[in-house]
Amino acid sequence: MGKDGAKGLKEMLDAGSQTIAQDEATSVVWGMPGEAVSLGAAQHVIALESVAAKIRSLADSMDITRQASRGVTHTREIMSQLTRG
């Protein structure tokens, strides 16, 4: 359970994105976050209540425009591959 989402998160990490997964202690279902942790796809494994602050911290520390542009392009490439196959 959650392998497809974890794989997508790993692809995002490999493309240079920062990645976050909810920790097991605050997860109702540990499926996708657990798979992401097992794959090494999650750089930050944190409690649900800390996710928004972490995103804000990451956003403040990087050039959002450059990162967002690269992420959108990569996401389009992945979606194109998925719909072809």
Foldseek 3Di string as FASTA:
>chain_A
DQQVVLVVLQLCVVLPDAAEAEAPVQDPDCRNSVNNVVVVSHPYHYHPVCVVVVVVVVPVVDDVVVSVVSVVVSVVVVVVVVVVD
